[in-house]
Amino acid sequence: MNYLRLKKKKDFSKIIKTGKRIYGGTVTAVYLPSDRLKMAVCVGKKYGKSVQRNRIKRLLRESFRLYADKFTCPVSVLLIPKVREEYSFSSFSHDMEKILKREKLIEN
């Protein structure tokens, strides 16, 4: 199952205001039921210069893509990383799996 990217400000606002938050070690996810699987990454300037922010976005998108086929129901997900010194694909991927399983959004 492929997913769509959320791009509009009103979609971001709706998810942040009414969505349910899930906290992990390196990432926070805010989700809301929707008609299709949608995803967005929110990385502000406090995470570093543009090179670092773009790397964080790529890592988060790829870790989400790994689990996109396993979702049990379509949701809109907003991913927000936590501020760290180092970011790695393995830590994002591990946390993503853990928080999505805890909320029963993906199958085991």
PDB file of N, CA and C in Angstrom:
ATOM      1  N   MET A   1       0.843  -1.169   0.000  1.00  0.00           N
ATOM      2  CA  MET A   1       0.000   0.000   0.000  1.00  0.00           C
ATOM      3  C   MET A   1       0.896   1.243   0.000  1.00  0.00           C
ATOM      4  N   ASN A   2       0.705   2.093  -0.963  1.00  0.00           N
ATOM      5  CA  ASN A   2       1.448   3.338  -0.997  1.00  0.00           C
ATOM      6  C   ASN A   2       0.759   4.365  -0.117  1.00  0.00           C
ATOM      7  N   TYR A   3       1.471   5.426   0.153  1.00  0.00           N
ATOM      8  CA  TYR A   3       0.888   6.483   0.959  1.00  0.00           C
ATOM      9  C   TYR A   3       1.027   7.812   0.229  1.00  0.00           C
ATOM     10  N   LEU A   4       0.169   8.750   0.602  1.00  0.00           N
ATOM     11  CA  LEU A   4       0.222  10.093   0.047  1.00  0.00           C
ATOM     12  C   LEU A   4       0.960  10.997   1.023  1.00  0.00           C
ATOM     13  N   ARG A   5       1.498  12.090   0.510  1.00  0.00           N
ATOM     14  CA  ARG A   5       2.170  13.053   1.368  1.00  0.00           C
ATOM     15  C   ARG A   5       1.215  14.195   1.687  1.00  0.00           C
ATOM     16  N   LEU A   6       1.151  14.577   2.941  1.00  0.00           N
ATOM     17  CA  LEU A   6       0.375  15.745   3.355  1.00  0.00           C
ATOM     18  C   LEU A   6       1.202  16.986   3.063  1.00  0.00           C
ATOM     19  N   LYS A   7       0.598  17.979   2.423  1.00  0.00           N
ATOM     20  CA  LYS A   7       1.356  19.174   2.064  1.00  0.00           C
ATOM     21  C   LYS A   7       0.674  20.474   2.471  1.00  0.00           C
ATOM     22  N   LYS A   8      -0.623  20.439   2.713  1.00  0.00           N
ATOM     23  CA  LYS A   8      -1.362  21.674   2.976  1.00  0.00           C
ATOM     24  C   LYS A   8      -1.361  22.032   4.460  1.00  0.00           C
ATOM     25  N   LYS A   9      -1.299  23.320   4.715  1.00  0.00           N
ATOM     26  CA  LYS A   9      -1.256  23.807   6.088  1.00  0.00           C
ATOM     27  C   LYS A   9      -2.511  23.435   6.861  1.00  0.00           C
ATOM     28  N   LYS A  10      -3.664  23.445   6.192  1.00  0.00           N
ATOM     29  CA  LYS A  10      -4.915  23.112   6.900  1.00  0.00           C
ATOM     30  C   LYS A  10      -4.917  21.651   7.345  1.00  0.00           C
ATOM     31  N   ASP A  11      -4.287  20.758   6.561  1.00  0.00           N
ATOM     32  CA  ASP A  11      -4.182  19.351   6.965  1.00  0.00           C
ATOM     33  C   ASP A  11      -3.291  19.212   8.197  1.00  0.00           C
ATOM     34  N   PHE A  12      -2.151  19.926   8.201  1.00  0.00           N
ATOM     35  CA  PHE A  12      -1.256  19.901   9.354  1.00  0.00           C
ATOM     36  C   PHE A  12      -1.991  20.399  10.594  1.00  0.00           C
ATOM     37  N   SER A  13      -2.690  21.519  10.463  1.00  0.00           N
ATOM     38  CA  SER A  13      -3.400  22.123  11.601  1.00  0.00           C
ATOM     39  C   SER A  13      -4.459  21.180  12.157  1.00  0.00           C
ATOM     40  N   LYS A  14      -5.215  20.545  11.271  1.00  0.00           N
ATOM     41  CA  LYS A  14      -6.273  19.636  11.692  1.00  0.00           C
ATOM     42  C   LYS A  14      -5.705  18.459  12.483  1.00  0.00           C
ATOM     43  N   ILE A  15      -4.608  17.904  11.998  1.00  0.00           N
ATOM     44  CA  ILE A  15      -3.988  16.762  12.681  1.00  0.00           C
ATOM     45  C   ILE A  15      -3.447  17.190  14.043  1.00  0.00           C
ATOM     46  N   ILE A  16      -2.774  18.327  14.105  1.00  0.00           N
ATOM     47  CA  ILE A  16      -2.188  18.777  15.371  1.00  0.00           C
ATOM     48  C   ILE A  16      -3.275  19.094  16.399  1.00  0.00           C
ATOM     49  N   LYS A  17      -4.371  19.708  15.969  1.00  0.00           N
ATOM     50  CA  LYS A  17      -5.431  20.093  16.909  1.00  0.00           C
ATOM     51  C   LYS A  17      -6.245  18.911  17.406  1.00  0.00           C
ATOM     52  N   THR A  18      -6.605  17.983  16.502  1.00  0.00           N
ATOM     53  CA  THR A  18      -7.543  16.933  16.897  1.00  0.00           C
ATOM     54  C   THR A  18      -6.943  15.525  16.914  1.00  0.00           C
ATOM     55  N   GLY A  19      -5.696  15.369  16.493  1.00  0.00           N
ATOM     56  CA  GLY A  19      -5.099  14.042  16.401  1.00  0.00           C
ATOM     57  C   GLY A  19      -4.649  13.477  17.735  1.00  0.00           C
ATOM     58  N   LYS A  20      -4.387  12.189  17.749  1.00  0.00           N
ATOM     59  CA  LYS A  20      -3.898  11.496  18.940  1.00  0.00           C
ATOM     60  C   LYS A  20      -2.382  11.392  18.868  1.00  0.00           C
ATOM     61  N   ARG A  21      -1.711  11.699  19.955  1.00  0.00           N
ATOM     62  CA  ARG A  21      -0.245  11.693  19.983  1.00  0.00           C
ATOM     63  C   ARG A  21       0.288  10.381  20.542  1.00  0.00           C
ATOM     64  N   ILE A  22       1.370   9.919  19.912  1.00  0.00           N
ATOM     65  CA  ILE A  22       2.078   8.730  20.390  1.00  0.00           C
ATOM     66  C   ILE A  22       3.527   9.154  20.577  1.00  0.00           C
ATOM     67  N   TYR A  23       4.100   8.868  21.737  1.00  0.00           N
ATOM     68  CA  TYR A  23       5.461   9.282  22.035  1.00  0.00           C
ATOM     69  C   TYR A  23       6.406   8.096  22.008  1.00  0.00           C
ATOM     70  N   GLY A  24       7.524   8.269  21.316  1.00  0.00           N
ATOM     71  CA  GLY A  24       8.578   7.269  21.286  1.00  0.00           C
ATOM     72  C   GLY A  24       9.871   7.909  21.762  1.00  0.00           C
ATOM     73  N   GLY A  25      10.950   7.150  21.708  1.00  0.00           N
ATOM     74  CA  GLY A  25      12.235   7.665  22.168  1.00  0.00           C
ATOM     75  C   GLY A  25      12.804   8.745  21.272  1.00  0.00           C
ATOM     76  N   THR A  26      12.677   8.592  19.967  1.00  0.00           N
ATOM     77  CA  THR A  26      13.271   9.553  19.036  1.00  0.00           C
ATOM     78  C   THR A  26      12.240  10.283  18.189  1.00  0.00           C
ATOM     79  N   VAL A  27      10.987   9.854  18.241  1.00  0.00           N
ATOM     80  CA  VAL A  27       9.980  10.452  17.369  1.00  0.00           C
ATOM     81  C   VAL A  27       8.622  10.508  18.072  1.00  0.00           C
ATOM     82  N   THR A  28       7.863  11.554  17.758  1.00  0.00           N
ATOM     83  CA  THR A  28       6.485  11.682  18.205  1.00  0.00           C
ATOM     84  C   THR A  28       5.601  11.620  16.974  1.00  0.00           C
ATOM     85  N   ALA A  29       4.559  10.819  17.024  1.00  0.00           N
ATOM     86  CA  ALA A  29       3.630  10.712  15.896  1.00  0.00           C
ATOM     87  C   ALA A  29       2.267  11.225  16.342  1.00  0.00           C
ATOM     88  N   VAL A  30       1.644  11.999  15.478  1.00  0.00           N
ATOM     89  CA  VAL A  30       0.284  12.481  15.714  1.00  0.00           C
ATOM     90  C   VAL A  30      -0.543  11.913  14.568  1.00  0.00           C
ATOM     91  N   TYR A  31      -1.616  11.187  14.894  1.00  0.00           N
ATOM     92  CA  TYR A  31      -2.393  10.559  13.827  1.00  0.00           C
ATOM     93  C   TYR A  31      -3.880  10.809  13.982  1.00  0.00           C
ATOM     94  N   LEU A  32      -4.577  10.661  12.842  1.00  0.00           N
ATOM     95  CA  LEU A  32      -6.008  10.905  12.751  1.00  0.00           C
ATOM     96  C   LEU A  32      -6.560   9.946  11.705  1.00  0.00           C
ATOM     97  N   PRO A  33      -7.687   9.287  11.937  1.00  0.00           N
ATOM     98  CA  PRO A  33      -8.268   8.425  10.901  1.00  0.00           C
ATOM     99  C   PRO A  33      -8.583   9.239   9.640  1.00  0.00           C
ATOM    100  N   SER A  34      -8.399   8.612   8.473  1.00  0.00           N
ATOM    101  CA  SER A  34      -8.680   9.308   7.217  1.00  0.00           C
ATOM    102  C   SER A  34      -9.121   8.300   6.158  1.00  0.00           C
ATOM    103  N   ASP A  35      -9.299   8.787   4.942  1.00  0.00           N
ATOM    104  CA  ASP A  35      -9.761   7.920   3.858  1.00  0.00           C
ATOM    105  C   ASP A  35      -8.620   7.127   3.221  1.00  0.00           C
ATOM    106  N   ARG A  36      -7.402   7.670   3.222  1.00  0.00           N
ATOM    107  CA  ARG A  36      -6.226   6.978   2.683  1.00  0.00           C
ATOM    108  C   ARG A  36      -5.061   7.157   3.633  1.00  0.00           C
ATOM    109  N   LEU A  37      -4.031   6.349   3.479  1.00  0.00           N
ATOM    110  CA  LEU A  37      -2.823   6.477   4.294  1.00  0.00           C
ATOM    111  C   LEU A  37      -2.044   7.700   3.828  1.00  0.00           C
ATOM    112  N   LYS A  38      -1.830   8.646   4.737  1.00  0.00           N
ATOM    113  CA  LYS A  38      -1.117   9.879   4.411  1.00  0.00           C
ATOM    114  C   LYS A  38      -0.062  10.131   5.477  1.00  0.00           C
ATOM    115  N   MET A  39       1.018  10.806   5.072  1.00  0.00           N
ATOM    116  CA  MET A  39       2.112  11.041   5.998  1.00  0.00           C
ATOM    117  C   MET A  39       2.758  12.383   5.726  1.00  0.00           C
ATOM    118  N   ALA A  40       3.255  13.022   6.787  1.00  0.00           N
ATOM    119  CA  ALA A  40       4.020  14.261   6.671  1.00  0.00           C
ATOM    120  C   ALA A  40       5.080  14.260   7.765  1.00  0.00           C
ATOM    121  N   VAL A  41       6.147  14.994   7.513  1.00  0.00           N
ATOM    122  CA  VAL A  41       7.227  15.132   8.483  1.00  0.00           C
ATOM    123  C   VAL A  41       7.347  16.610   8.818  1.00  0.00           C
ATOM    124  N   CYS A  42       7.456  16.921  10.091  1.00  0.00           N
ATOM    125  CA  CYS A  42       7.557  18.306  10.543  1.00  0.00           C
ATOM    126  C   CYS A  42       8.904  18.489  11.249  1.00  0.00           C
ATOM    127  N   VAL A  43       9.826  19.192  10.583  1.00  0.00           N
ATOM    128  CA  VAL A  43      11.157  19.421  11.143  1.00  0.00           C
ATOM    129  C   VAL A  43      11.449  20.915  11.079  1.00  0.00           C
ATOM    130  N   GLY A  44      11.489  21.567  12.231  1.00  0.00           N
ATOM    131  CA  GLY A  44      11.710  23.012  12.288  1.00  0.00           C
ATOM    132  C   GLY A  44      13.181  23.383  12.329  1.00  0.00           C
ATOM    133  N   LYS A  45      13.441  24.671  12.430  1.00  0.00           N
ATOM    134  CA  LYS A  45      14.817  25.170  12.372  1.00  0.00           C
ATOM    135  C   LYS A  45      15.632  24.850  13.620  1.00  0.00           C
ATOM    136  N   LYS A  46      14.976  24.433  14.691  1.00  0.00           N
ATOM    137  CA  LYS A  46      15.726  24.098  15.909  1.00  0.00           C
ATOM    138  C   LYS A  46      16.531  22.803  15.762  1.00  0.00           C
ATOM    139  N   TYR A  47      16.298  22.051  14.661  1.00  0.00           N
ATOM    140  CA  TYR A  47      16.985  20.786  14.451  1.00  0.00           C
ATOM    141  C   TYR A  47      18.319  20.961  13.731  1.00  0.00           C
ATOM    142  N   GLY A  48      18.658  22.178  13.346  1.00  0.00           N
ATOM    143  CA  GLY A  48      19.943  22.408  12.699  1.00  0.00           C
ATOM    144  C   GLY A  48      19.771  23.081  11.356  1.00  0.00           C
ATOM    145  N   LYS A  49      20.850  23.099  10.607  1.00  0.00           N
ATOM    146  CA  LYS A  49      20.826  23.721   9.288  1.00  0.00           C
ATOM    147  C   LYS A  49      20.080  22.836   8.302  1.00  0.00           C
ATOM    148  N   SER A  50      19.847  23.346   7.100  1.00  0.00           N
ATOM    149  CA  SER A  50      18.997  22.653   6.127  1.00  0.00           C
ATOM    150  C   SER A  50      19.508  21.260   5.777  1.00  0.00           C
ATOM    151  N   VAL A  51      20.808  21.072   5.746  1.00  0.00           N
ATOM    152  CA  VAL A  51      21.364  19.758   5.417  1.00  0.00           C
ATOM    153  C   VAL A  51      20.935  18.731   6.462  1.00  0.00           C
ATOM    154  N   GLN A  52      21.019  19.105   7.733  1.00  0.00           N
ATOM    155  CA  GLN A  52      20.619  18.202   8.817  1.00  0.00           C
ATOM    156  C   GLN A  52      19.113  17.956   8.802  1.00  0.00           C
ATOM    157  N   ARG A  53      18.337  19.015   8.586  1.00  0.00           N
ATOM    158  CA  ARG A  53      16.874  18.858   8.558  1.00  0.00           C
ATOM    159  C   ARG A  53      16.439  17.953   7.411  1.00  0.00           C
ATOM    160  N   ASN A  54      17.043  18.116   6.254  1.00  0.00           N
ATOM    161  CA  ASN A  54      16.695  17.267   5.110  1.00  0.00           C
ATOM    162  C   ASN A  54      17.068  15.811   5.359  1.00  0.00           C
ATOM    163  N   ARG A  55      18.190  15.580   6.026  1.00  0.00           N
ATOM    164  CA  ARG A  55      18.592  14.205   6.358  1.00  0.00           C
ATOM    165  C   ARG A  55      17.583  13.562   7.305  1.00  0.00           C
ATOM    166  N   ILE A  56      17.142  14.323   8.300  1.00  0.00           N
ATOM    167  CA  ILE A  56      16.144  13.817   9.246  1.00  0.00           C
ATOM    168  C   ILE A  56      14.861  13.453   8.497  1.00  0.00           C
ATOM    169  N   LYS A  57      14.431  14.313   7.580  1.00  0.00           N
ATOM    170  CA  LYS A  57      13.217  14.038   6.800  1.00  0.00           C
ATOM    171  C   LYS A  57      13.358  12.772   5.974  1.00  0.00           C
ATOM    172  N   ARG A  58      14.506  12.607   5.321  1.00  0.00           N
ATOM    173  CA  ARG A  58      14.728  11.392   4.513  1.00  0.00           C
ATOM    174  C   ARG A  58      14.685  10.140   5.381  1.00  0.00           C
ATOM    175  N   LEU A  59      15.330  10.196   6.548  1.00  0.00           N
ATOM    176  CA  LEU A  59      15.345   9.035   7.447  1.00  0.00           C
ATOM    177  C   LEU A  59      13.937   8.697   7.937  1.00  0.00           C
ATOM    178  N   LEU A  60      13.174   9.703   8.301  1.00  0.00           N
ATOM    179  CA  LEU A  60      11.813   9.460   8.788  1.00  0.00           C
ATOM    180  C   LEU A  60      10.901   8.923   7.684  1.00  0.00           C
ATOM    181  N   ARG A  61      11.010   9.487   6.494  1.00  0.00           N
ATOM    182  CA  ARG A  61      10.177   9.001   5.380  1.00  0.00           C
ATOM    183  C   ARG A  61      10.484   7.547   5.059  1.00  0.00           C
ATOM    184  N   GLU A  62      11.761   7.198   5.054  1.00  0.00           N
ATOM    185  CA  GLU A  62      12.142   5.823   4.735  1.00  0.00           C
ATOM    186  C   GLU A  62      11.695   4.860   5.833  1.00  0.00           C
ATOM    187  N   SER A  63      11.837   5.246   7.096  1.00  0.00           N
ATOM    188  CA  SER A  63      11.393   4.356   8.169  1.00  0.00           C
ATOM    189  C   SER A  63       9.878   4.194   8.147  1.00  0.00           C
ATOM    190  N   PHE A  64       9.139   5.231   7.740  1.00  0.00           N
ATOM    191  CA  PHE A  64       7.685   5.114   7.614  1.00  0.00           C
ATOM    192  C   PHE A  64       7.325   4.206   6.437  1.00  0.00           C
ATOM    193  N   ARG A  65       8.043   4.356   5.334  1.00  0.00           N
ATOM    194  CA  ARG A  65       7.775   3.570   4.129  1.00  0.00           C
ATOM    195  C   ARG A  65       7.880   2.065   4.407  1.00  0.00           C
ATOM    196  N   LEU A  66       8.794   1.669   5.282  1.00  0.00           N
ATOM    197  CA  LEU A  66       8.961   0.248   5.614  1.00  0.00           C
ATOM    198  C   LEU A  66       7.693  -0.356   6.213  1.00  0.00           C
ATOM    199  N   TYR A  67       6.931   0.455   6.939  1.00  0.00           N
ATOM    200  CA  TYR A  67       5.738  -0.050   7.622  1.00  0.00           C
ATOM    201  C   TYR A  67       4.444   0.340   6.924  1.00  0.00           C
ATOM    202  N   ALA A  68       4.510   1.035   5.801  1.00  0.00           N
ATOM    203  CA  ALA A  68       3.305   1.511   5.112  1.00  0.00           C
ATOM    204  C   ALA A  68       2.408   0.359   4.663  1.00  0.00           C
ATOM    205  N   ASP A  69       2.981  -0.774   4.306  1.00  0.00           N
ATOM    206  CA  ASP A  69       2.176  -1.918   3.860  1.00  0.00           C
ATOM    207  C   ASP A  69       1.475  -2.635   5.006  1.00  0.00           C
ATOM    208  N   LYS A  70       1.927  -2.418   6.226  1.00  0.00           N
ATOM    209  CA  LYS A  70       1.414  -3.167   7.371  1.00  0.00           C
ATOM    210  C   LYS A  70       0.288  -2.461   8.120  1.00  0.00           C
ATOM    211  N   PHE A  71      -0.111  -1.267   7.688  1.00  0.00           N
ATOM    212  CA  PHE A  71      -1.157  -0.533   8.399  1.00  0.00           C
ATOM    213  C   PHE A  71      -2.484  -1.262   8.298  1.00  0.00           C
ATOM    214  N   THR A  72      -3.209  -1.319   9.410  1.00  0.00           N
ATOM    215  CA  THR A  72      -4.493  -2.018   9.451  1.00  0.00           C
ATOM    216  C   THR A  72      -5.645  -1.126   8.995  1.00  0.00           C
ATOM    217  N   CYS A  73      -5.505   0.188   9.175  1.00  0.00           N
ATOM    218  CA  CYS A  73      -6.553   1.118   8.770  1.00  0.00           C
ATOM    219  C   CYS A  73      -5.888   2.385   8.243  1.00  0.00           C
ATOM    220  N   PRO A  74      -6.558   3.087   7.315  1.00  0.00           N
ATOM    221  CA  PRO A  74      -5.945   4.302   6.770  1.00  0.00           C
ATOM    222  C   PRO A  74      -5.974   5.451   7.783  1.00  0.00           C
ATOM    223  N   VAL A  75      -4.834   6.086   7.959  1.00  0.00           N
ATOM    224  CA  VAL A  75      -4.696   7.212   8.878  1.00  0.00           C
ATOM    225  C   VAL A  75      -3.822   8.292   8.239  1.00  0.00           C
ATOM    226  N   SER A  76      -3.949   9.502   8.750  1.00  0.00           N
ATOM    227  CA  SER A  76      -3.033  10.586   8.410  1.00  0.00           C
ATOM    228  C   SER A  76      -2.062  10.705   9.571  1.00  0.00           C
ATOM    229  N   VAL A  77      -0.768  10.648   9.276  1.00  0.00           N
ATOM    230  CA  VAL A  77       0.253  10.638  10.319  1.00  0.00           C
ATOM    231  C   VAL A  77       1.193  11.828  10.133  1.00  0.00           C
ATOM    232  N   LEU A  78       1.460  12.529  11.218  1.00  0.00           N
ATOM    233  CA  LEU A  78       2.438  13.609  11.234  1.00  0.00           C
ATOM    234  C   LEU A  78       3.579  13.161  12.133  1.00  0.00           C
ATOM    235  N   LEU A  79       4.794  13.110  11.592  1.00  0.00           N
ATOM    236  CA  LEU A  79       5.957  12.655  12.349  1.00  0.00           C
ATOM    237  C   LEU A  79       6.798  13.852  12.773  1.00  0.00           C
ATOM    238  N   ILE A  80       7.108  13.917  14.064  1.00  0.00           N
ATOM    239  CA  ILE A  80       7.911  15.001  14.612  1.00  0.00           C
ATOM    240  C   ILE A  80       9.086  14.370  15.369  1.00  0.00           C
ATOM    241  N   PRO A  81      10.328  14.584  14.917  1.00  0.00           N
ATOM    242  CA  PRO A  81      11.469  14.000  15.627  1.00  0.00           C
ATOM    243  C   PRO A  81      11.746  14.753  16.920  1.00  0.00           C
ATOM    244  N   LYS A  82      12.437  14.085  17.839  1.00  0.00           N
ATOM    245  CA  LYS A  82      12.872  14.747  19.061  1.00  0.00           C
ATOM    246  C   LYS A  82      14.285  15.277  18.818  1.00  0.00           C
ATOM    247  N   VAL A  83      14.623  16.386  19.474  1.00  0.00           N
ATOM    248  CA  VAL A  83      15.931  16.997  19.270  1.00  0.00           C
ATOM    249  C   VAL A  83      17.002  16.119  19.895  1.00  0.00           C
ATOM    250  N   ARG A  84      17.977  15.727  19.097  1.00  0.00           N
ATOM    251  CA  ARG A  84      19.079  14.853  19.524  1.00  0.00           C
ATOM    252  C   ARG A  84      20.381  15.359  18.916  1.00  0.00           C
ATOM    253  N   GLU A  85      21.489  14.800  19.406  1.00  0.00           N
ATOM    254  CA  GLU A  85      22.791  15.094  18.801  1.00  0.00           C
ATOM    255  C   GLU A  85      22.942  14.345  17.485  1.00  0.00           C
ATOM    256  N   GLU A  86      22.601  13.062  17.508  1.00  0.00           N
ATOM    257  CA  GLU A  86      22.745  12.200  16.325  1.00  0.00           C
ATOM    258  C   GLU A  86      21.412  11.562  15.985  1.00  0.00           C
ATOM    259  N   TYR A  87      21.169  11.412  14.698  1.00  0.00           N
ATOM    260  CA  TYR A  87      19.961  10.744  14.222  1.00  0.00           C
ATOM    261  C   TYR A  87      20.385   9.560  13.367  1.00  0.00           C
ATOM    262  N   SER A  88      19.752   8.411  13.591  1.00  0.00           N
ATOM    263  CA  SER A  88      20.104   7.236  12.786  1.00  0.00           C
ATOM    264  C   SER A  88      18.832   6.554  12.284  1.00  0.00           C
ATOM    265  N   PHE A  89      18.982   5.902  11.162  1.00  0.00           N
ATOM    266  CA  PHE A  89      17.858   5.193  10.565  1.00  0.00           C
ATOM    267  C   PHE A  89      17.373   4.079  11.481  1.00  0.00           C
ATOM    268  N   SER A  90      18.303   3.376  12.097  1.00  0.00           N
ATOM    269  CA  SER A  90      17.923   2.239  12.941  1.00  0.00           C
ATOM    270  C   SER A  90      17.100   2.685  14.150  1.00  0.00           C
ATOM    271  N   SER A  91      17.464   3.812  14.760  1.00  0.00           N
ATOM    272  CA  SER A  91      16.703   4.272  15.928  1.00  0.00           C
ATOM    273  C   SER A  91      15.307   4.753  15.517  1.00  0.00           C
ATOM    274  N   PHE A  92      15.207   5.480  14.389  1.00  0.00           N
ATOM    275  CA  PHE A  92      13.895   5.908  13.902  1.00  0.00           C
ATOM    276  C   PHE A  92      13.023   4.707  13.555  1.00  0.00           C
ATOM    277  N   SER A  93      13.602   3.742  12.852  1.00  0.00           N
ATOM    278  CA  SER A  93      12.857   2.567  12.418  1.00  0.00           C
ATOM    279  C   SER A  93      12.371   1.749  13.616  1.00  0.00           C
ATOM    280  N   HIS A  94      13.245   1.558  14.580  1.00  0.00           N
ATOM    281  CA  HIS A  94      12.895   0.779  15.779  1.00  0.00           C
ATOM    282  C   HIS A  94      11.763   1.475  16.551  1.00  0.00           C
ATOM    283  N   ASP A  95      11.894   2.784  16.770  1.00  0.00           N
ATOM    284  CA  ASP A  95      10.860   3.526  17.495  1.00  0.00           C
ATOM    285  C   ASP A  95       9.542   3.570  16.731  1.00  0.00           C
ATOM    286  N   MET A  96       9.638   3.711  15.412  1.00  0.00           N
ATOM    287  CA  MET A  96       8.426   3.756  14.583  1.00  0.00           C
ATOM    288  C   MET A  96       7.646   2.452  14.748  1.00  0.00           C
ATOM    289  N   GLU A  97       8.346   1.335  14.652  1.00  0.00           N
ATOM    290  CA  GLU A  97       7.683   0.033  14.803  1.00  0.00           C
ATOM    291  C   GLU A  97       7.055  -0.091  16.187  1.00  0.00           C
ATOM    292  N   LYS A  98       7.802   0.310  17.205  1.00  0.00           N
ATOM    293  CA  LYS A  98       7.332   0.177  18.576  1.00  0.00           C
ATOM    294  C   LYS A  98       6.072   0.992  18.836  1.00  0.00           C
ATOM    295  N   ILE A  99       6.047   2.256  18.427  1.00  0.00           N
ATOM    296  CA  ILE A  99       4.885   3.096  18.722  1.00  0.00           C
ATOM    297  C   ILE A  99       3.684   2.729  17.861  1.00  0.00           C
ATOM    298  N   LEU A 100       3.917   2.291  16.623  1.00  0.00           N
ATOM    299  CA  LEU A 100       2.790   1.904  15.774  1.00  0.00           C
ATOM    300  C   LEU A 100       2.161   0.597  16.254  1.00  0.00           C
ATOM    301  N   LYS A 101       2.977  -0.321  16.753  1.00  0.00           N
ATOM    302  CA  LYS A 101       2.432  -1.567  17.303  1.00  0.00           C
ATOM    303  C   LYS A 101       1.686  -1.302  18.603  1.00  0.00           C
ATOM    304  N   ARG A 102       2.215  -0.398  19.411  1.00  0.00           N
ATOM    305  CA  ARG A 102       1.577  -0.091  20.691  1.00  0.00           C
ATOM    306  C   ARG A 102       0.166   0.476  20.476  1.00  0.00           C
ATOM    307  N   GLU A 103      -0.023   1.260  19.441  1.00  0.00           N
ATOM    308  CA  GLU A 103      -1.344   1.829  19.136  1.00  0.00           C
ATOM    309  C   GLU A 103      -2.175   0.908  18.253  1.00  0.00           C
ATOM    310  N   LYS A 104      -1.634  -0.251  17.898  1.00  0.00           N
ATOM    311  CA  LYS A 104      -2.313  -1.246  17.047  1.00  0.00           C
ATOM    312  C   LYS A 104      -2.666  -0.673  15.667  1.00  0.00           C
ATOM    313  N   LEU A 105      -1.789   0.186  15.149  1.00  0.00           N
ATOM    314  CA  LEU A 105      -1.974   0.730  13.800  1.00  0.00           C
ATOM    315  C   LEU A 105      -1.389  -0.196  12.751  1.00  0.00           C
ATOM    316  N   ILE A 106      -0.394  -1.019  13.149  1.00  0.00           N
ATOM    317  CA  ILE A 106       0.170  -2.004  12.208  1.00  0.00           C
ATOM    318  C   ILE A 106      -0.013  -3.390  12.819  1.00  0.00           C
ATOM    319  N   GLU A 107       0.009  -4.381  11.952  1.00  0.00           N
ATOM    320  CA  GLU A 107      -0.117  -5.763  12.412  1.00  0.00           C
ATOM    321  C   GLU A 107       1.241  -6.268  12.856  1.00  0.00           C
ATOM    322  N   ASN A 108       1.227  -7.255  13.723  1.00  0.00           N
ATOM    323  CA  ASN A 108       2.493  -7.810  14.237  1.00  0.00           C
ATOM    324  C   ASN A 108       3.214  -8.637  13.236  1.00  0.00           C
TER     325      ASN A 108
END
